């Protein structure tokens, strides 16, 4: 697994690539938590993910809680239908902000 990070308009855009599962969740967690420590505005782009397990969902939830506690913002973007269905089945679509793309997400960062 590879995790790319870029800055766009003061927002850190994180793009995990491949699978986020039990064996790769730690790499993903390290990357997103380091980004959260550096910047309280994070968008995670899922367009390069083909699978996410409960371990990956846990990392996203932990990041959301961390950012909420520090008045930061997390928005999930570019989610393929199969990944969105995992978030929907778990009920995460009700507690996390999900947008179609970065342009739609930008206003949520204030």
Protein backbone atom coordinates (compact mmCIF):
# COMPACT_ATOMS: atom_id res chain seq x y z
CA UNK A 1 0.00 0.00 0.00
CA UNK A 2 1.09 3.52 -0.77
CA UNK A 3 -0.39 6.70 0.72
CA UNK A 4 0.08 9.96 -1.16
CA UNK A 5 -0.39 13.35 0.43
CA UNK A 6 -0.76 16.78 -1.17
CA UNK A 7 -1.81 20.25 -0.09
CA UNK A 8 -4.56 22.07 -1.98
CA UNK A 9 -5.86 25.43 -0.74
CA UNK A 10 -4.58 24.72 2.79
CA UNK A 11 -6.31 21.32 2.89
CA UNK A 12 -4.31 18.11 3.12
CA UNK A 13 -5.57 15.63 0.52
CA UNK A 14 -4.61 12.06 1.37
CA UNK A 15 -4.87 9.38 -1.31
CA UNK A 16 -4.38 5.78 -0.17
CA UNK A 17 -3.70 3.39 -3.04
CA UNK A 18 -4.60 -0.29 -3.29
CA UNK A 19 -6.20 -2.14 -0.39
CA UNK A 20 -6.80 -0.93 3.14
CA UNK A 21 -7.04 -4.10 5.19
CA UNK A 22 -5.59 -5.61 8.35
CA UNK A 23 -2.09 -5.88 6.88
CA UNK A 24 -2.01 -2.29 5.53
CA UNK A 25 -4.16 -0.37 8.04
CA UNK A 26 -1.13 0.62 10.15
CA UNK A 27 0.56 2.33 7.18
CA UNK A 28 -2.70 4.17 6.46
CA UNK A 29 -3.14 5.08 10.14
CA UNK A 30 0.40 6.44 10.46
CA UNK A 31 -0.07 8.61 7.37
CA UNK A 32 -3.45 10.09 8.33
CA UNK A 33 -2.56 10.70 11.97
CA UNK A 34 0.67 12.47 10.98
CA UNK A 35 -1.36 14.62 8.58
CA UNK A 36 -3.88 15.39 11.34
CA UNK A 37 -1.05 16.50 13.63
CA UNK A 38 0.22 18.84 10.90
CA UNK A 39 -3.10 20.18 9.60
CA UNK A 40 -6.66 20.04 10.94
CA UNK A 41 -8.21 20.10 7.46
CA UNK A 42 -8.10 16.71 5.76
CA UNK A 43 -9.78 15.21 2.73
CA UNK A 44 -9.28 11.52 2.01
CA UNK A 45 -9.67 10.58 -1.64
CA UNK A 46 -10.75 7.00 -2.19
CA UNK A 47 -10.46 6.92 -5.99
CA UNK A 48 -7.37 4.66 -5.85
CA UNK A 49 -8.79 2.20 -3.31
CA UNK A 50 -10.29 -1.08 -4.44
CA UNK A 51 -11.00 -2.55 -0.99
CA UNK A 52 -11.43 -1.35 2.59
CA UNK A 53 -11.89 -3.65 5.57
CA UNK A 54 -13.16 -2.95 9.06
CA UNK A 55 -9.54 -2.16 10.03
CA UNK A 56 -9.53 0.64 7.46
CA UNK A 57 -12.92 1.89 8.62
CA UNK A 58 -11.57 2.01 12.18
CA UNK A 59 -8.69 4.24 11.06
CA UNK A 60 -11.09 6.63 9.30
CA UNK A 61 -13.32 6.76 12.40
CA UNK A 62 -10.33 7.37 14.72
CA UNK A 63 -9.17 10.19 12.45
CA UNK A 64 -12.65 11.73 12.42
CA UNK A 65 -12.80 11.65 16.23
CA UNK A 66 -9.32 13.14 16.55
CA UNK A 67 -10.12 16.00 14.18
CA UNK A 68 -13.49 16.67 15.80
CA UNK A 69 -11.84 16.92 19.23
CA UNK A 70 -9.41 19.53 17.87
CA UNK A 71 -12.06 21.44 15.87
CA UNK A 72 -10.64 20.10 12.61
CA UNK A 73 -12.51 18.87 9.55
CA UNK A 74 -12.51 15.53 7.73
CA UNK A 75 -14.25 15.01 4.40
CA UNK A 76 -14.18 11.78 2.39
CA UNK A 77 -14.15 12.27 -1.38
CA UNK A 78 -14.00 10.46 -4.74
CA UNK A 79 -15.55 7.28 -3.36
CA UNK A 80 -16.24 4.49 -5.86
CA UNK A 81 -19.67 2.89 -5.42
CA UNK A 82 -18.25 -0.34 -3.95
CA UNK A 83 -16.33 1.60 -1.29
CA UNK A 84 -19.29 3.87 -0.57
CA UNK A 85 -21.48 0.80 -0.03
CA UNK A 86 -19.10 -0.37 2.74
CA UNK A 87 -19.38 3.02 4.47
CA UNK A 88 -23.15 2.97 4.03
CA UNK A 89 -23.56 -0.59 5.39
CA UNK A 90 -21.51 0.34 8.46
CA UNK A 91 -23.55 3.51 9.00
CA UNK A 92 -20.46 5.69 8.61
CA UNK A 93 -22.20 7.71 5.89
CA UNK A 94 -24.39 9.13 8.67
CA UNK A 95 -21.52 10.26 10.92
CA UNK A 96 -18.83 11.29 8.43
CA UNK A 97 -18.92 13.94 5.70
CA UNK A 98 -18.80 12.38 2.24
CA UNK A 99 -18.65 14.42 -0.96
CA UNK A 100 -18.48 13.43 -4.61
CA UNK A 101 -15.25 15.35 -5.24
CA UNK A 102 -12.82 17.92 -3.86
CA UNK A 103 -14.63 20.92 -5.34
CA UNK A 104 -17.83 19.89 -3.55
CA UNK A 105 -15.87 19.36 -0.29
CA UNK A 106 -13.97 22.69 -0.24
CA UNK A 107 -16.82 24.80 1.26
CA UNK A 108 -17.07 22.38 4.22
CA UNK A 109 -13.60 23.42 5.37
CA UNK A 110 -14.68 27.02 5.98
